[in-house]
C-alpha atoms as a PDB file:
ATOM      1  CA  UNK A   1      45.281  25.442   5.137  1.00  0.00           C
ATOM      2  CA  UNK A   2      46.652  28.384   3.138  1.00  0.00           C
ATOM      3  CA  UNK A   3      50.134  28.516   1.725  1.00  0.00           C
ATOM      4  CA  UNK A   4      52.354  31.569   1.060  1.00  0.00           C
ATOM      5  CA  UNK A   5      54.423  31.544  -2.095  1.00  0.00           C
ATOM      6  CA  UNK A   6      57.851  33.157  -1.812  1.00  0.00           C
ATOM      7  CA  UNK A   7      59.688  34.409  -4.893  1.00  0.00           C
ATOM      8  CA  UNK A   8      63.033  35.660  -3.770  1.00  0.00           C
ATOM      9  CA  UNK A   9      62.325  38.148  -1.001  1.00  0.00           C
ATOM     10  CA  UNK A  10      58.849  38.991  -2.283  1.00  0.00           C
ATOM     11  CA  UNK A  11      55.866  37.569  -0.538  1.00  0.00           C
ATOM     12  CA  UNK A  12      53.081  36.516  -2.860  1.00  0.00           C
ATOM     13  CA  UNK A  13      49.514  36.344  -1.478  1.00  0.00           C
ATOM     14  CA  UNK A  14      47.862  32.963  -1.552  1.00  0.00           C
ATOM     15  CA  UNK A  15      45.614  32.175  -4.482  1.00  0.00           C
ATOM     16  CA  UNK A  16      41.943  32.603  -3.842  1.00  0.00           C
ATOM     17  CA  UNK A  17      40.115  29.344  -3.478  1.00  0.00           C
ATOM     18  CA  UNK A  18      36.446  29.201  -4.479  1.00  0.00           C
ATOM     19  CA  UNK A  19      34.452  26.518  -2.768  1.00  0.00           C
ATOM     20  CA  UNK A  20      30.905  25.564  -3.548  1.00  0.00           C
ATOM     21  CA  UNK A  21      28.465  22.817  -2.804  1.00  0.00           C
ATOM     22  CA  UNK A  22      27.632  20.554  -5.705  1.00  0.00           C
ATOM     23  CA  UNK A  23      24.115  19.195  -5.571  1.00  0.00           C
ATOM     24  CA  UNK A  24      23.118  16.278  -7.752  1.00  0.00           C
ATOM     25  CA  UNK A  25      19.411  16.137  -8.624  1.00  0.00           C
ATOM     26  CA  UNK A  26      17.649  12.816  -8.674  1.00  0.00           C
ATOM     27  CA  UNK A  27      14.022  11.859  -8.829  1.00  0.00           C
ATOM     28  CA  UNK A  28      12.739  10.568  -5.517  1.00  0.00           C
ATOM     29  CA  UNK A  29       9.943   8.528  -7.106  1.00  0.00           C
ATOM     30  CA  UNK A  30      11.148   5.291  -8.700  1.00  0.00           C
ATOM     31  CA  UNK A  31       8.342   3.989 -10.923  1.00  0.00           C
ATOM     32  CA  UNK A  32      10.148   0.848 -12.020  1.00  0.00           C
ATOM     33  CA  UNK A  33      10.467  -0.522  -8.463  1.00  0.00           C
ATOM     34  CA  UNK A  34       6.962   0.753  -7.610  1.00  0.00           C
ATOM     35  CA  UNK A  35       5.410  -1.180 -10.499  1.00  0.00           C
ATOM     36  CA  UNK A  36       7.398  -4.248  -9.450  1.00  0.00           C
ATOM     37  CA  UNK A  37       6.107  -3.859  -5.895  1.00  0.00           C
ATOM     38  CA  UNK A  38       2.516  -3.501  -7.096  1.00  0.00           C
ATOM     39  CA  UNK A  39       2.749  -6.691  -9.151  1.00  0.00           C
ATOM     40  CA  UNK A  40       4.287  -8.584  -6.233  1.00  0.00           C
ATOM     41  CA  UNK A  41       1.614  -7.223  -3.871  1.00  0.00           C
ATOM     42  CA  UNK A  42      -1.240  -8.280  -6.155  1.00  0.00           C
ATOM     43  CA  UNK A  43       0.250 -11.721  -6.748  1.00  0.00           C
ATOM     44  CA  UNK A  44       0.833 -12.233  -3.021  1.00  0.00           C
ATOM     45  CA  UNK A  45      -2.695 -11.107  -2.186  1.00  0.00           C
ATOM     46  CA  UNK A  46      -4.252 -13.443  -4.748  1.00  0.00           C
ATOM     47  CA  UNK A  47      -2.257 -16.411  -3.485  1.00  0.00           C
ATOM     48  CA  UNK A  48      -3.016 -15.684   0.174  1.00  0.00           C
ATOM     49  CA  UNK A  49      -6.705 -15.081  -0.561  1.00  0.00           C
ATOM     50  CA  UNK A  50      -6.898 -18.395  -2.393  1.00  0.00           C
ATOM     51  CA  UNK A  51      -5.108 -20.135   0.472  1.00  0.00           C
ATOM     52  CA  UNK A  52      -7.303 -18.656   3.198  1.00  0.00           C
ATOM     53  CA  UNK A  53     -10.405 -19.247   1.077  1.00  0.00           C
ATOM     54  CA  UNK A  54      -9.506 -22.889   0.570  1.00  0.00           C
ATOM     55  CA  UNK A  55      -8.909 -23.372   4.294  1.00  0.00           C
ATOM     56  CA  UNK A  56     -12.171 -21.646   5.201  1.00  0.00           C
ATOM     57  CA  UNK A  57     -14.203 -23.565   2.637  1.00  0.00           C
ATOM     58  CA  UNK A  58     -12.665 -26.815   3.804  1.00  0.00           C
ATOM     59  CA  UNK A  59     -13.585 -26.072   7.406  1.00  0.00           C
ATOM     60  CA  UNK A  60     -17.180 -25.226   6.443  1.00  0.00           C
ATOM     61  CA  UNK A  61     -17.517 -28.354   4.310  1.00  0.00           C
ATOM     62  CA  UNK A  62     -16.112 -30.567   7.048  1.00  0.00           C
ATOM     63  CA  UNK A  63     -18.268 -29.101   9.804  1.00  0.00           C
ATOM     64  CA  UNK A  64     -21.589 -29.917   8.181  1.00  0.00           C
ATOM     65  CA  UNK A  65     -22.758 -26.303   8.558  1.00  0.00           C
ATOM     66  CA  UNK A  66     -25.829 -25.115   6.674  1.00  0.00           C
ATOM     67  CA  UNK A  67     -25.387 -23.667   3.210  1.00  0.00           C
ATOM     68  CA  UNK A  68     -26.414 -20.157   4.170  1.00  0.00           C
ATOM     69  CA  UNK A  69     -23.556 -17.805   4.998  1.00  0.00           C
ATOM     70  CA  UNK A  70     -23.861 -16.697   8.600  1.00  0.00           C
ATOM     71  CA  UNK A  71     -22.547 -13.349   9.893  1.00  0.00           C
ATOM     72  CA  UNK A  72     -19.714 -15.184  11.666  1.00  0.00           C
ATOM     73  CA  UNK A  73     -18.570 -16.735   8.391  1.00  0.00           C
ATOM     74  CA  UNK A  74     -18.786 -13.393   6.591  1.00  0.00           C
ATOM     75  CA  UNK A  75     -16.791 -11.619   9.302  1.00  0.00           C
ATOM     76  CA  UNK A  76     -14.189 -14.382   9.228  1.00  0.00           C
ATOM     77  CA  UNK A  77     -13.777 -13.935   5.476  1.00  0.00           C
ATOM     78  CA  UNK A  78     -13.332 -10.191   5.974  1.00  0.00           C
ATOM     79  CA  UNK A  79     -10.716 -10.651   8.695  1.00  0.00           C
ATOM     80  CA  UNK A  80      -8.620 -13.127   6.726  1.00  0.00           C
ATOM     81  CA  UNK A  81      -8.912 -11.008   3.582  1.00  0.00           C
ATOM     82  CA  UNK A  82      -7.616  -8.038   5.566  1.00  0.00           C
ATOM     83  CA  UNK A  83      -4.718 -10.129   6.851  1.00  0.00           C
ATOM     84  CA  UNK A  84      -3.887 -11.122   3.273  1.00  0.00           C
ATOM     85  CA  UNK A  85      -4.094  -7.472   2.232  1.00  0.00           C
ATOM     86  CA  UNK A  86      -1.710  -6.307   4.963  1.00  0.00           C
ATOM     87  CA  UNK A  87       0.828  -9.030   4.229  1.00  0.00           C
ATOM     88  CA  UNK A  88       0.724  -8.368   0.479  1.00  0.00           C
ATOM     89  CA  UNK A  89       1.195  -4.598   0.849  1.00  0.00           C
ATOM     90  CA  UNK A  90       4.030  -5.104   3.335  1.00  0.00           C
ATOM     91  CA  UNK A  91       5.777  -7.409   0.873  1.00  0.00           C
ATOM     92  CA  UNK A  92       5.083  -4.992  -1.986  1.00  0.00           C
ATOM     93  CA  UNK A  93       6.538  -2.072  -0.034  1.00  0.00           C
ATOM     94  CA  UNK A  94       9.603  -4.131   0.869  1.00  0.00           C
ATOM     95  CA  UNK A  95      10.172  -5.145  -2.760  1.00  0.00           C
ATOM     96  CA  UNK A  96       9.745  -1.541  -3.938  1.00  0.00           C
ATOM     97  CA  UNK A  97      12.482  -0.049  -1.792  1.00  0.00           C
ATOM     98  CA  UNK A  98      14.678  -3.127  -1.978  1.00  0.00           C
ATOM     99  CA  UNK A  99      14.710  -2.851  -5.759  1.00  0.00           C
ATOM    100  CA  UNK A 100      15.896   0.776  -5.495  1.00  0.00           C
ATOM    101  CA  UNK A 101      19.335   2.005  -4.680  1.00  0.00           C
ATOM    102  CA  UNK A 102      20.215   3.447  -1.276  1.00  0.00           C
ATOM    103  CA  UNK A 103      17.669   5.966  -0.019  1.00  0.00           C
ATOM    104  CA  UNK A 104      16.743   7.766   3.147  1.00  0.00           C
ATOM    105  CA  UNK A 105      13.650   7.082   5.223  1.00  0.00           C
ATOM    106  CA  UNK A 106      11.564   9.922   3.802  1.00  0.00           C
ATOM    107  CA  UNK A 107      12.091   8.725   0.243  1.00  0.00           C
ATOM    108  CA  UNK A 108      11.219   5.179   1.280  1.00  0.00           C
ATOM    109  CA  UNK A 109       7.971   6.392   2.853  1.00  0.00           C
ATOM    110  CA  UNK A 110       7.148   8.392  -0.276  1.00  0.00           C
ATOM    111  CA  UNK A 111       7.617   5.396  -2.562  1.00  0.00           C
ATOM    112  CA  UNK A 112       5.656   3.186  -0.166  1.00  0.00           C
ATOM    113  CA  UNK A 113       2.736   5.627  -0.172  1.00  0.00           C
ATOM    114  CA  UNK A 114       2.726   5.759  -3.982  1.00  0.00           C
ATOM    115  CA  UNK A 115       2.786   1.962  -4.066  1.00  0.00           C
ATOM    116  CA  UNK A 116      -0.302   1.907  -1.850  1.00  0.00           C
ATOM    117  CA  UNK A 117      -2.117   4.513  -3.959  1.00  0.00           C
ATOM    118  CA  UNK A 118      -1.247   2.717  -7.196  1.00  0.00           C
ATOM    119  CA  UNK A 119      -2.447  -0.585  -5.783  1.00  0.00           C
ATOM    120  CA  UNK A 120      -5.686   1.020  -4.642  1.00  0.00           C
ATOM    121  CA  UNK A 121      -6.325   2.606  -8.055  1.00  0.00           C
ATOM    122  CA  UNK A 122      -5.463  -0.597  -9.912  1.00  0.00           C
ATOM    123  CA  UNK A 123      -7.618  -2.677  -7.588  1.00  0.00           C
ATOM    124  CA  UNK A 124     -10.546  -0.314  -8.126  1.00  0.00           C
ATOM    125  CA  UNK A 125     -10.177  -0.748 -11.879  1.00  0.00           C
ATOM    126  CA  UNK A 126      -9.960  -4.524 -11.525  1.00  0.00           C
ATOM    127  CA  UNK A 127     -13.047  -4.453  -9.322  1.00  0.00           C
ATOM    128  CA  UNK A 128     -14.932  -2.431 -11.935  1.00  0.00           C
ATOM    129  CA  UNK A 129     -13.847  -5.021 -14.500  1.00  0.00           C
ATOM    130  CA  UNK A 130     -15.180  -7.855 -12.368  1.00  0.00           C
ATOM    131  CA  UNK A 131     -11.846  -8.984 -10.941  1.00  0.00           C
ATOM    132  CA  UNK A 132     -11.205  -8.836  -7.202  1.00  0.00           C
ATOM    133  CA  UNK A 133      -8.012  -6.989  -6.392  1.00  0.00           C
ATOM    134  CA  UNK A 134      -6.121  -6.320  -3.197  1.00  0.00           C
ATOM    135  CA  UNK A 135      -8.968  -4.195  -1.797  1.00  0.00           C
ATOM    136  CA  UNK A 136     -11.629  -6.304  -3.451  1.00  0.00           C
ATOM    137  CA  UNK A 137     -13.420  -7.882  -0.502  1.00  0.00           C
ATOM    138  CA  UNK A 138     -14.040  -4.648   1.388  1.00  0.00           C
ATOM    139  CA  UNK A 139     -14.836  -2.695  -1.768  1.00  0.00           C
ATOM    140  CA  UNK A 140     -17.208  -5.398  -3.020  1.00  0.00           C
ATOM    141  CA  UNK A 141     -19.053  -5.403   0.291  1.00  0.00           C
ATOM    142  CA  UNK A 142     -19.388  -1.634   0.136  1.00  0.00           C
ATOM    143  CA  UNK A 143     -20.607  -1.682  -3.460  1.00  0.00           C
ATOM    144  CA  UNK A 144     -23.150  -4.413  -2.780  1.00  0.00           C
ATOM    145  CA  UNK A 145     -24.429  -2.585   0.265  1.00  0.00           C
ATOM    146  CA  UNK A 146     -24.840   0.633  -1.725  1.00  0.00           C
ATOM    147  CA  UNK A 147     -26.668  -1.191  -4.503  1.00  0.00           C
ATOM    148  CA  UNK A 148     -29.126  -2.503  -1.928  1.00  0.00           C
ATOM    149  CA  UNK A 149     -30.189   0.996  -0.912  1.00  0.00           C
ATOM    150  CA  UNK A 150     -33.860   1.508  -1.688  1.00  0.00           C
ATOM    151  CA  UNK A 151     -34.669   4.057  -4.350  1.00  0.00           C
ATOM    152  CA  UNK A 152     -38.388   4.770  -4.242  1.00  0.00           C
ATOM    153  CA  UNK A 153     -39.197   1.075  -3.867  1.00  0.00           C
ATOM    154  CA  UNK A 154     -42.599   0.805  -2.180  1.00  0.00           C
ATOM    155  CA  UNK A 155     -42.015  -2.760  -1.017  1.00  0.00           C
ATOM    156  CA  UNK A 156     -39.162  -1.771   1.318  1.00  0.00           C
ATOM    157  CA  UNK A 157     -40.199  -0.958   4.834  1.00  0.00           C
ATOM    158  CA  UNK A 158     -38.600   1.687   7.021  1.00  0.00           C
ATOM    159  CA  UNK A 159     -36.963  -0.991   9.170  1.00  0.00           C
ATOM    160  CA  UNK A 160     -35.461  -2.686   6.112  1.00  0.00           C
ATOM    161  CA  UNK A 161     -34.184   0.656   4.869  1.00  0.00           C
ATOM    162  CA  UNK A 162     -32.470   1.260   8.219  1.00  0.00           C
ATOM    163  CA  UNK A 163     -30.904  -2.208   8.099  1.00  0.00           C
ATOM    164  CA  UNK A 164     -29.589  -1.605   4.597  1.00  0.00           C
ATOM    165  CA  UNK A 165     -28.227   1.805   5.590  1.00  0.00           C
ATOM    166  CA  UNK A 166     -26.512   0.271   8.612  1.00  0.00           C
ATOM    167  CA  UNK A 167     -24.955  -2.429   6.435  1.00  0.00           C
ATOM    168  CA  UNK A 168     -23.772   0.226   3.980  1.00  0.00           C
ATOM    169  CA  UNK A 169     -22.214   2.249   6.784  1.00  0.00           C
ATOM    170  CA  UNK A 170     -20.383  -0.776   8.188  1.00  0.00           C
ATOM    171  CA  UNK A 171     -19.090  -1.761   4.751  1.00  0.00           C
ATOM    172  CA  UNK A 172     -17.816   1.723   3.975  1.00  0.00           C
ATOM    173  CA  UNK A 173     -16.151   2.095   7.367  1.00  0.00           C
ATOM    174  CA  UNK A 174     -14.553  -1.316   6.900  1.00  0.00           C
ATOM    175  CA  UNK A 175     -13.220  -0.208   3.525  1.00  0.00           C
ATOM    176  CA  UNK A 176     -11.746   2.983   5.002  1.00  0.00           C
ATOM    177  CA  UNK A 177     -10.235   1.122   7.957  1.00  0.00           C
ATOM    178  CA  UNK A 178      -8.764  -1.604   5.749  1.00  0.00           C
ATOM    179  CA  UNK A 179      -7.340   0.971   3.330  1.00  0.00           C
ATOM    180  CA  UNK A 180      -5.590   2.878   6.128  1.00  0.00           C
ATOM    181  CA  UNK A 181      -4.204  -0.350   7.554  1.00  0.00           C
ATOM    182  CA  UNK A 182      -2.949  -1.192   4.072  1.00  0.00           C
ATOM    183  CA  UNK A 183      -1.221   2.183   3.853  1.00  0.00           C
ATOM    184  CA  UNK A 184       0.503   1.548   7.188  1.00  0.00           C
ATOM    185  CA  UNK A 185       1.616  -1.914   6.048  1.00  0.00           C
ATOM    186  CA  UNK A 186       3.041  -0.531   2.795  1.00  0.00           C
ATOM    187  CA  UNK A 187       4.949   2.212   4.646  1.00  0.00           C
ATOM    188  CA  UNK A 188       6.381  -0.231   7.174  1.00  0.00           C
ATOM    189  CA  UNK A 189       7.480  -2.604   4.440  1.00  0.00           C
ATOM    190  CA  UNK A 190       9.100   0.253   2.514  1.00  0.00           C
ATOM    191  CA  UNK A 191      11.064   1.417   5.551  1.00  0.00           C
ATOM    192  CA  UNK A 192      12.195  -2.120   6.386  1.00  0.00           C
ATOM    193  CA  UNK A 193      13.366  -2.760   2.831  1.00  0.00           C
ATOM    194  CA  UNK A 194      15.183   0.557   2.351  1.00  0.00           C
ATOM    195  CA  UNK A 195      18.957   0.562   2.256  1.00  0.00           C
ATOM    196  CA  UNK A 196      20.706   3.518   3.857  1.00  0.00           C
ATOM    197  CA  UNK A 197      22.984   5.713   1.701  1.00  0.00           C
ATOM    198  CA  UNK A 198      26.689   5.102   2.190  1.00  0.00           C
ATOM    199  CA  UNK A 199      27.614   8.751   1.815  1.00  0.00           C
ATOM    200  CA  UNK A 200      25.982  12.010   2.808  1.00  0.00           C
ATOM    201  CA  UNK A 201      26.827  13.908  -0.370  1.00  0.00           C
ATOM    202  CA  UNK A 202      23.201  13.807  -1.463  1.00  0.00           C
ATOM    203  CA  UNK A 203      19.938  12.317  -0.379  1.00  0.00           C
ATOM    204  CA  UNK A 204      18.126   9.948  -2.718  1.00  0.00           C
END
């Protein structure tokens, strides 16, 4: 609303009002909460893996099964390890965005994706150091399968080479599939844990 100033009989024009939009810059990546989420994800995965491993070992010991690991047992270990991975990344994504201030959905997804990538990189380093991380079971299977590939070994038949190649392919596909599922779990957890901004002055 404009006002007209009157001085005696003279009419003064209204003062010019300059309006502008003030934009406050903030980083969208919050490394403190991301590191906290990674630590929580790794701790959760280790605890769940130990729990599922203890249950599985107890069932095998109580069933009187032979000592050799059958394909069913190996697949069961992979499934439960994947379940532990998904739960841990969901919790890590939730902790990451919950530890931040209010943010929109896109920022939550960005931080969740970085949490997943950081966990993957850290787990790869732990695996190289001999410690199983969040992606350890699938990555270990892939690495062992690759190491079994014949390299000019005359004692390996063509059929054995095909079996080893098939095992390598399955392990690598399992690693890719588990990694993508882990990314989805981290993104879902980040979105669930995000708190919406109270005002629309800026997006964080």
